[in-house]
Structures are given as structure tokens and as C-alpha cells.
Amino acid sequence: MPVATHGSVKGLTPIQIRATGAEMILSNAYHLWLRPGCDVIEAAGGLHRFMGWDGPILTDSGGYQIFSLAALARVTDEGVTFRSHIDGSPHALNPEEAIRAQERLGSDVAMILDECPPGDADRSTITAAAERTARWAKRAVAARARGDQAVFGIVQGGTHLDLRIESARTMVELGFDGYALGGLSVGEPRPETWRVAAATTPHLPSDHPRYFMGAGTPTDLIRLVGAGIDLFDCVLPTRLARNGTLFTSQGPVIIRNARYVADVRPLDEQCGCYTCTQFTRAYLRHMVMAREPLAVTLNTLHNVTYYETLMARMRSAIIANTFASFADAMLQETSMTSEDPACPA
């Protein structure tokens, strides 16, 4: 899912998002709850109509902001009180309000409110967060009022497998429409991320969507699909596009580099996106160096297409029962093994 935090995938119109192959997007209920507010969006006919997107929308609840805006948040068993990052005003969010807000937004998939501890937190902190998330999950189930909106439970537990398995069992017992792995990709080593996901996924029902929140690089996607994950979101392809780092079949391209000043080749000869079929590397570099807004659009269009194409290829390999060999080959390619040094977040 491309990330449309405020109701927009930065740099792209809904028509352009469709052109990438994306079918579903993610927005953030916390940010929309603050601005422009649920009243405005509800009066406009819901989030789909408000932002002009007719496909499925998943809304995150604000649980990640407990981690990312920790300096502005105070967490208790009742919920979380935020100081708005916009104007400093106080706002109280609890499991019931998180569900109500998402029901008013009218998203297709709503996430429960969870507590996401940092990756380097000690075991007692992670245990407390997992237990609180379980209590909040029960309250979220009781607060549901719409039958036409799926709600996903979120598994917490850091990198501790016993906590993860216990959290997974709790969520499954509550009978959610899908299940997410939260509290990963928050600072722990990536091999640990893959290990924990692979060990946790078997404890979630295979006939329900399994969603990894906040992943990641192409390597992450390949390894996590292999572990049984179905659904992903990440700001990486769009954020890196704005910074001028582009994914290609031959490895990442940092288009700002002087080596591309007169390079008349397409960005990626194997890509059929509008950017690659119409423009040269030299032009893309010129747009970035001139700080033209078009640079954001063209770069984002390509990076999101790259991700969606990778996902489509994995689906085809699964259907053909060739995923293992496909994954091995992809993980050996330069684009999959050299991405970290070339792609600063």
C-alpha cells in the first residue's frame, strides 16, 4: 500500500497512483483526526470521496504515533494524550475513539489502537505494551458499530517470541478480520525482524490477511512474503523518491550524482512506467537539481511502480508455485543486496 498519511500520496494524483498498479492505499486516522477533522471528512461523504480515491483504504489508528511522537504523548491504561504536533493543543485518544474516528472516516480497514514500544526497549517495557495492547484490543472489539468495515488486530511483543506468540493467540481469540505485526522495523536489526515475523506468522490464521506494518526495502518484502505476510505499507519508496534515490532492476540510482548529467538512457530499461518510457536520466537529474516539483512526481511514480511490480511478480510466482526459486534469484541481484548503503532513509 502506498502511504497517503494526510489523504494524499505525496506528488501523485489518484489516477497516477492507479497507473503504478496500486489497488489499495494507507492513510493515518490520527493525522486526519487532528486535521482537517472527522467532521469535515464525514460531511464530505467519507475519506474515499474526500480524497478522490475509489479503491480500498486502510487507516492506521495512531498507535505508531505513540512511538514516533513519544515526546508529545502520555500513555495510560485509559489511552494516550497527545500534544498536537501542529499547535500544541491536547487531544485524548483511546481504543474506543480510535474505532469511532475510523468508522466516521469510512475506511475499508481500520486498525485497533496499540502501544508500539521502541526496538531497544527492555523486556518489561515490551511486556507491558503487549499486555496493554491486548486490553485495548478487547475494548476496540466492544466499540465496533459498523459491519461493513474490517478491523485488524495488532500483534506486539518486540523480538521476544514468547510474547509475540501470546499476543497472536490473544488477537486470534478476539476474532478480528485480519492481523498485523506491529512493533517491528522500529530499530531492531533487520535479520531479527525477519526471524520474528517468520516465527509469529504461523500463529495467525492463513485464511485471514496478515499485514506487516512499516516494511520496508525490497529485500524485506521478499523475505516477509516468504514468511507468509500478505500486506505491506512503507514510506520508503515515496520518501526516497523525493530525495532523488530511485530503485531499478540494476540497483539503486542516486539521480543527483554528476555521472547522470548527460545520461540519455531511460532510468530503467526494464520498467514500463511513464517516467522510464518518456524521460532520460539526464532530465530526471535536471529536474531534481532545479528543484522542480515535477521531479517529485516522476520519481515517485517510478518508485511506487517498482514496488507494485515486485509485488505483482511475487504473486505470479506464488500462483506458479515457483516462489522459492524466484526469491532466491531476486535476493542475489545487485538491486536487492546493495540497497542499504545507497538508500539513506
Protein backbone atom coordinates (compact mmCIF):
# COMPACT_ATOMS: atom_id res chain seq x y z
CA MET A 1 0.00 0.00 0.00
CA PRO A 2 1.43 3.40 -0.92
CA VAL A 3 1.25 5.70 2.10
CA ALA A 4 -1.19 8.62 1.93
CA THR A 5 -0.80 9.84 5.51
CA HIS A 6 -2.87 13.01 5.15
CA GLY A 7 -5.10 11.68 2.37
CA SER A 8 -2.53 12.11 -0.40
CA VAL A 9 0.37 10.06 -1.74
CA LYS A 10 2.87 12.90 -1.94
CA GLY A 11 3.38 14.01 -5.53
CA LEU A 12 0.77 11.77 -7.18
CA THR A 13 -2.88 12.14 -8.15
CA PRO A 14 -5.24 9.19 -7.63
CA ILE A 15 -5.12 8.48 -11.38
CA GLN A 16 -1.33 8.32 -11.24
CA ILE A 17 -1.46 6.04 -8.21
CA ARG A 18 -3.66 3.66 -10.20
CA ALA A 19 -1.13 3.74 -13.04
CA THR A 20 1.52 2.30 -10.73
CA GLY A 21 -0.55 -0.86 -10.24
CA ALA A 22 -1.54 0.02 -6.68
CA GLU A 23 -5.00 -1.16 -5.66
CA MET A 24 -5.08 -0.10 -2.00
CA ILE A 25 -3.61 2.78 -0.03
CA LEU A 26 -2.97 3.63 3.61
CA SER A 27 -3.96 6.82 5.41
CA ASN A 28 -3.44 7.79 9.03
CA ALA A 29 -6.52 8.29 11.16
CA TYR A 30 -4.58 10.15 13.86
CA HIS A 31 -3.38 12.83 11.45
CA LEU A 32 -6.78 13.15 9.75
CA TRP A 33 -8.48 13.24 13.17
CA LEU A 34 -6.33 16.28 14.02
CA ARG A 35 -6.55 17.95 10.60
CA PRO A 36 -8.97 18.56 8.92
CA GLY A 37 -11.00 16.56 11.45
CA CYS A 38 -13.51 13.73 11.17
CA ASP A 39 -16.41 16.20 10.98
CA VAL A 40 -15.07 17.70 7.74
CA ILE A 41 -14.35 14.35 6.09
CA GLU A 42 -17.63 12.79 7.20
CA ALA A 43 -19.57 15.77 5.84
CA ALA A 44 -17.74 15.41 2.52
CA GLY A 45 -19.06 11.85 2.17
CA GLY A 46 -16.16 9.96 3.73
CA LEU A 47 -12.48 9.62 3.04
CA HIS A 48 -12.86 7.97 -0.38
CA ARG A 49 -14.85 10.86 -1.78
CA PHE A 50 -12.84 13.47 0.10
CA MET A 51 -9.57 12.38 -1.49
CA GLY A 52 -10.95 11.12 -4.81
CA TRP A 53 -9.82 7.50 -4.37
CA ASP A 54 -12.30 4.75 -5.26
CA GLY A 55 -10.20 1.78 -4.14
CA PRO A 56 -9.77 0.25 -0.70
CA ILE A 57 -8.27 2.37 2.09
CA LEU A 58 -6.66 1.13 5.29
CA THR A 59 -6.36 3.64 8.12
CA ASP A 60 -3.80 3.31 10.88
CA SER A 61 -5.15 4.22 14.28
CA GLY A 62 -2.45 6.40 15.78
CA GLY A 63 -0.66 3.63 17.64
CA TYR A 64 2.56 4.26 15.71
CA GLN A 65 2.45 7.90 16.80
CA ILE A 66 2.82 6.70 20.40
CA PHE A 67 6.30 5.66 19.24
CA SER A 68 7.13 8.35 16.69
CA LEU A 69 5.72 11.26 18.74
CA ALA A 70 6.74 9.87 22.13
CA ALA A 71 7.92 13.29 23.36
CA LEU A 72 4.39 14.63 22.82
CA ALA A 73 2.47 11.63 24.21
CA ARG A 74 1.50 10.38 27.66
CA VAL A 75 0.22 6.78 27.77
CA THR A 76 -2.00 5.29 30.47
CA ASP A 77 -4.28 2.26 30.59
CA GLU A 78 -7.16 4.53 29.54
CA GLY A 79 -5.45 5.67 26.34
CA VAL A 80 -2.98 8.28 25.18
CA THR A 81 -2.96 12.05 25.47
CA PHE A 82 -1.10 13.86 22.71
CA ARG A 83 0.11 17.39 22.42
CA SER A 84 -0.64 18.21 18.81
CA HIS A 85 2.48 18.48 16.68
CA ILE A 86 0.61 21.22 14.80
CA ASP A 87 -0.29 23.70 17.54
CA GLY A 88 0.44 22.03 20.88
CA SER A 89 -3.24 21.57 21.79
CA PRO A 90 -4.10 18.49 23.91
CA HIS A 91 -6.03 15.55 22.42
CA ALA A 92 -7.10 12.33 24.13
CA LEU A 93 -7.23 9.14 22.09
CA ASN A 94 -8.42 5.81 23.49
CA PRO A 95 -9.34 2.44 21.89
CA GLU A 96 -13.00 3.39 21.53
CA GLU A 97 -12.32 6.80 19.98
CA ALA A 98 -9.82 5.26 17.55
CA ILE A 99 -12.55 2.93 16.26
CA ARG A 100 -15.18 5.68 16.18
CA ALA A 101 -12.88 8.01 14.26
CA GLN A 102 -12.12 5.38 11.62
CA GLU A 103 -15.78 4.48 11.29
CA ARG A 104 -16.55 8.15 10.66
CA LEU A 105 -13.74 8.37 8.10
CA GLY A 106 -15.27 5.38 6.32
CA SER A 107 -12.10 3.45 5.57
CA ASP A 108 -12.39 -0.16 4.44
CA VAL A 109 -9.92 -1.48 7.04
CA ALA A 110 -9.46 0.04 10.49
CA MET A 111 -6.62 -0.72 12.88
CA ILE A 112 -7.02 -1.02 16.62
CA LEU A 113 -5.12 1.36 18.88
CA ASP A 114 -1.95 -0.33 20.08
CA GLU A 115 1.15 0.64 22.00
CA CYS A 116 4.30 0.41 19.90
CA PRO A 117 7.47 0.39 22.03
CA PRO A 118 10.89 1.24 20.54
CA GLY A 119 13.05 -1.59 19.27
CA ASP A 120 15.64 -1.15 22.03
CA ALA A 121 13.12 -1.20 24.90
CA ASP A 122 13.73 -3.65 27.73
CA ARG A 123 11.60 -6.76 28.16
CA SER A 124 9.48 -5.34 30.96
CA THR A 125 8.52 -2.32 28.83
CA ILE A 126 7.69 -4.53 25.85
CA THR A 127 5.66 -6.91 28.05
CA ALA A 128 3.67 -4.01 29.47
CA ALA A 129 2.99 -2.65 25.96
CA ALA A 130 1.82 -6.05 24.69
CA GLU A 131 -0.47 -6.52 27.69
CA ARG A 132 -1.91 -3.03 27.31
CA THR A 133 -2.46 -3.62 23.58
CA ALA A 134 -4.39 -6.79 24.46
CA ARG A 135 -6.65 -4.90 26.85
CA TRP A 136 -7.18 -2.15 24.30
CA ALA A 137 -7.99 -4.76 21.65
CA LYS A 138 -10.86 -6.12 23.74
CA ARG A 139 -12.23 -2.61 24.16
CA ALA A 140 -11.92 -1.96 20.42
CA VAL A 141 -13.97 -5.08 19.64
CA ALA A 142 -16.70 -3.92 22.00
CA ALA A 143 -16.72 -0.44 20.42
CA ARG A 144 -17.39 -1.61 16.84
CA ALA A 145 -20.62 -0.26 15.37
CA ARG A 146 -20.16 -0.79 11.61
CA GLY A 147 -20.47 -4.18 9.98
CA ASP A 148 -19.09 -3.01 6.65
CA GLN A 149 -15.62 -2.11 7.91
CA ALA A 150 -12.95 -4.71 8.60
CA VAL A 151 -10.92 -4.30 11.78
CA PHE A 152 -7.43 -5.74 12.21
CA GLY A 153 -5.83 -6.72 15.49
CA ILE A 154 -2.16 -5.92 16.06
CA VAL A 155 0.40 -8.35 17.48
CA GLN A 156 3.04 -6.82 19.75
CA GLY A 157 5.91 -8.33 21.75
CA GLY A 158 9.12 -6.87 20.34
CA THR A 159 11.64 -9.53 19.37
CA HIS A 160 10.60 -11.88 22.21
CA LEU A 161 8.96 -14.88 20.58
CA ASP A 162 7.06 -15.98 23.67
CA LEU A 163 5.46 -12.54 23.96
CA ARG A 164 4.71 -12.50 20.24
CA ILE A 165 3.02 -15.90 20.31
CA GLU A 166 0.95 -14.97 23.35
CA SER A 167 -0.10 -11.71 21.70
CA ALA A 168 -1.01 -13.54 18.50
CA ARG A 169 -3.17 -16.02 20.41
CA THR A 170 -4.99 -13.18 22.16
CA MET A 171 -5.75 -11.41 18.91
CA VAL A 172 -6.96 -14.59 17.21
CA GLU A 173 -9.25 -15.37 20.13
CA LEU A 174 -10.85 -11.93 19.72
CA GLY A 175 -11.79 -12.84 16.13
CA PHE A 176 -10.51 -9.92 14.06
CA ASP A 177 -10.95 -9.67 10.29
CA GLY A 178 -7.19 -9.60 9.77
CA TYR A 179 -3.99 -9.49 11.79
CA ALA A 180 -0.99 -7.19 11.76
CA LEU A 181 2.55 -7.47 13.07
CA GLY A 182 3.34 -4.19 14.80
CA GLY A 183 6.34 -3.06 16.80
CA LEU A 184 8.87 -4.25 14.21
CA SER A 185 11.06 -2.17 11.88
CA VAL A 186 11.45 0.24 14.81
CA GLY A 187 15.21 -0.02 15.26
CA GLU A 188 15.92 -3.73 15.71
CA PRO A 189 18.42 -5.42 13.32
CA ARG A 190 16.72 -6.48 10.11
CA PRO A 191 17.64 -10.19 10.47
CA GLU A 192 15.79 -10.06 13.80
CA THR A 193 12.78 -8.53 12.03
CA TRP A 194 12.67 -11.39 9.54
CA ARG A 195 13.22 -14.04 12.23
CA VAL A 196 10.42 -12.76 14.45
CA ALA A 197 7.98 -12.37 11.57
CA ALA A 198 8.67 -15.89 10.30
CA ALA A 199 8.17 -17.34 13.79
CA THR A 200 4.98 -15.36 14.52
CA THR A 201 3.08 -15.72 11.25
CA PRO A 202 2.25 -19.44 11.68
CA HIS A 203 0.26 -18.49 14.79
CA LEU A 204 -2.07 -16.29 12.71
CA PRO A 205 -4.82 -17.85 10.56
CA SER A 206 -3.77 -18.30 6.94
CA ASP A 207 -7.31 -17.62 5.68
CA HIS A 208 -7.19 -14.05 7.06
CA PRO A 209 -5.00 -11.20 5.77
CA ARG A 210 -1.65 -10.95 7.54
CA TYR A 211 -0.17 -7.47 7.47
CA PHE A 212 3.35 -6.30 8.31
CA MET A 213 3.24 -2.65 9.35
CA GLY A 214 6.02 -0.41 8.09
CA ALA A 215 8.13 -2.67 5.81
CA GLY A 216 10.30 -1.76 4.03
CA THR A 217 13.00 -2.42 1.48
CA PRO A 218 12.58 -4.79 -1.47
CA THR A 219 14.59 -7.36 0.48
CA ASP A 220 12.15 -7.02 3.39
CA LEU A 221 9.18 -7.60 1.09
CA ILE A 222 10.64 -10.72 -0.48
CA ARG A 223 11.66 -12.28 2.83
CA LEU A 224 8.39 -11.41 4.55
CA VAL A 225 6.20 -12.69 1.71
CA GLY A 226 8.21 -15.90 2.04
CA ALA A 227 7.28 -15.92 5.71
CA GLY A 228 3.57 -15.72 4.88
CA ILE A 229 2.86 -12.00 5.03
CA ASP A 230 0.24 -10.64 2.57
CA LEU A 231 0.04 -6.89 3.03
CA PHE A 232 2.59 -4.10 3.49
CA ASP A 233 2.98 -0.36 3.73
CA CYS A 234 6.06 1.84 3.90
CA VAL A 235 7.05 5.45 3.25
CA LEU A 236 10.43 4.32 1.86
CA PRO A 237 9.63 4.36 -1.90
CA THR A 238 7.95 7.77 -1.75
CA ARG A 239 10.39 9.37 0.71
CA LEU A 240 13.44 8.20 -1.21
CA ALA A 241 11.86 9.37 -4.46
CA ARG A 242 11.62 12.88 -3.02
CA ASN A 243 15.29 12.65 -2.03
CA GLY A 244 16.32 11.51 -5.51
CA THR A 245 17.06 7.84 -4.77
CA LEU A 246 15.39 5.52 -7.27
CA PHE A 247 15.00 1.74 -7.31
CA THR A 248 15.87 -0.03 -10.57
CA SER A 249 16.40 -3.56 -11.82
CA GLN A 250 20.16 -2.84 -11.83
CA GLY A 251 20.31 -1.43 -8.32
CA PRO A 252 19.54 1.93 -6.72
CA VAL A 253 20.26 5.10 -8.68
CA ILE A 254 21.02 8.33 -6.82
CA ILE A 255 19.93 10.62 -9.59
CA ARG A 256 21.65 13.70 -8.11
CA ASN A 257 25.05 12.23 -8.94
CA ALA A 258 27.01 14.14 -11.59
CA ARG A 259 27.51 10.97 -13.61
CA TYR A 260 23.94 11.31 -14.88
CA VAL A 261 24.20 14.92 -16.11
CA ALA A 262 24.30 13.86 -19.79
CA ASP A 263 22.99 10.28 -19.48
CA VAL A 264 20.31 9.88 -22.16
CA ARG A 265 19.33 6.36 -21.16
CA PRO A 266 15.98 5.71 -19.50
CA LEU A 267 16.11 5.28 -15.76
CA ASP A 268 15.32 1.55 -16.03
CA GLU A 269 15.01 -0.11 -19.43
CA GLN A 270 13.01 -2.95 -17.85
CA CYS A 271 10.36 -0.62 -16.39
CA GLY A 272 7.28 0.39 -18.34
CA CYS A 273 6.23 3.33 -16.16
CA TYR A 274 5.63 6.79 -17.63
CA THR A 275 8.88 8.08 -16.13
CA CYS A 276 11.02 5.40 -17.72
CA THR A 277 9.31 5.41 -21.12
CA GLN A 278 9.28 9.18 -21.60
CA PHE A 279 12.32 10.70 -19.89
CA THR A 280 16.09 10.26 -19.63
CA ARG A 281 18.28 10.09 -16.57
CA ALA A 282 19.73 13.45 -17.58
CA TYR A 283 16.27 15.04 -17.50
CA LEU A 284 15.39 13.47 -14.16
CA ARG A 285 18.64 14.77 -12.69
CA HIS A 286 17.96 18.22 -14.12
CA MET A 287 14.51 18.27 -12.52
CA VAL A 288 15.97 17.34 -9.12
CA MET A 289 18.84 19.81 -9.29
CA ALA A 290 16.50 22.60 -10.45
CA ARG A 291 14.13 21.72 -7.58
CA GLU A 292 11.22 21.41 -9.96
CA PRO A 293 8.04 19.92 -8.40
CA LEU A 294 7.83 17.60 -11.40
CA ALA A 295 10.88 15.76 -10.02
CA VAL A 296 8.82 14.54 -7.06
CA THR A 297 6.02 13.32 -9.33
CA LEU A 298 8.24 11.50 -11.84
CA ASN A 299 10.48 9.94 -9.19
CA THR A 300 7.57 8.86 -7.00
CA LEU A 301 5.68 7.43 -9.96
CA HIS A 302 8.68 5.25 -10.77
CA ASN A 303 9.49 4.08 -7.24
CA VAL A 304 5.90 3.13 -6.43
CA THR A 305 5.65 1.31 -9.78
CA TYR A 306 8.85 -0.58 -8.95
CA TYR A 307 7.35 -1.77 -5.65
CA GLU A 308 3.98 -2.67 -7.13
CA THR A 309 5.66 -4.57 -9.97
CA LEU A 310 7.77 -6.50 -7.48
CA MET A 311 4.64 -7.45 -5.55
CA ALA A 312 2.86 -8.50 -8.76
CA ARG A 313 5.81 -10.68 -9.75
CA MET A 314 5.74 -12.35 -6.33
CA ARG A 315 2.01 -13.07 -6.66
CA SER A 316 2.63 -14.64 -10.06
CA ALA A 317 5.45 -16.78 -8.66
CA ILE A 318 3.22 -17.97 -5.81
CA ILE A 319 0.47 -18.93 -8.26
CA ALA A 320 3.02 -20.77 -10.41
CA ASN A 321 4.48 -22.49 -7.32
CA THR A 322 7.92 -21.05 -8.13
CA PHE A 323 8.24 -18.52 -5.33
CA ALA A 324 11.25 -20.12 -3.63
CA SER A 325 13.41 -20.02 -6.76
CA PHE A 326 12.11 -16.55 -7.65
CA ALA A 327 13.01 -15.22 -4.21
CA ASP A 328 16.48 -16.78 -4.31
CA ALA A 329 17.19 -15.18 -7.68
CA MET A 330 15.87 -11.78 -6.62
CA LEU A 331 17.83 -11.73 -3.38
CA GLN A 332 21.03 -12.36 -5.33
CA GLU A 333 20.52 -9.40 -7.65
CA THR A 334 22.51 -6.25 -7.07
CA SER A 335 19.36 -4.24 -6.51
CA MET A 336 18.47 -6.39 -3.56
CA THR A 337 21.87 -6.60 -1.86
CA SER A 338 23.32 -3.11 -2.26
CA GLU A 339 20.28 -1.05 -1.41
CA ASP A 340 21.13 -0.07 2.17
CA PRO A 341 24.30 1.99 1.53
CA ALA A 342 22.63 3.66 -1.44
CA CYS A 343 19.29 4.42 0.20
CA PRO A 344 19.65 6.52 3.33
CA ALA A 345 16.25 6.99 4.99
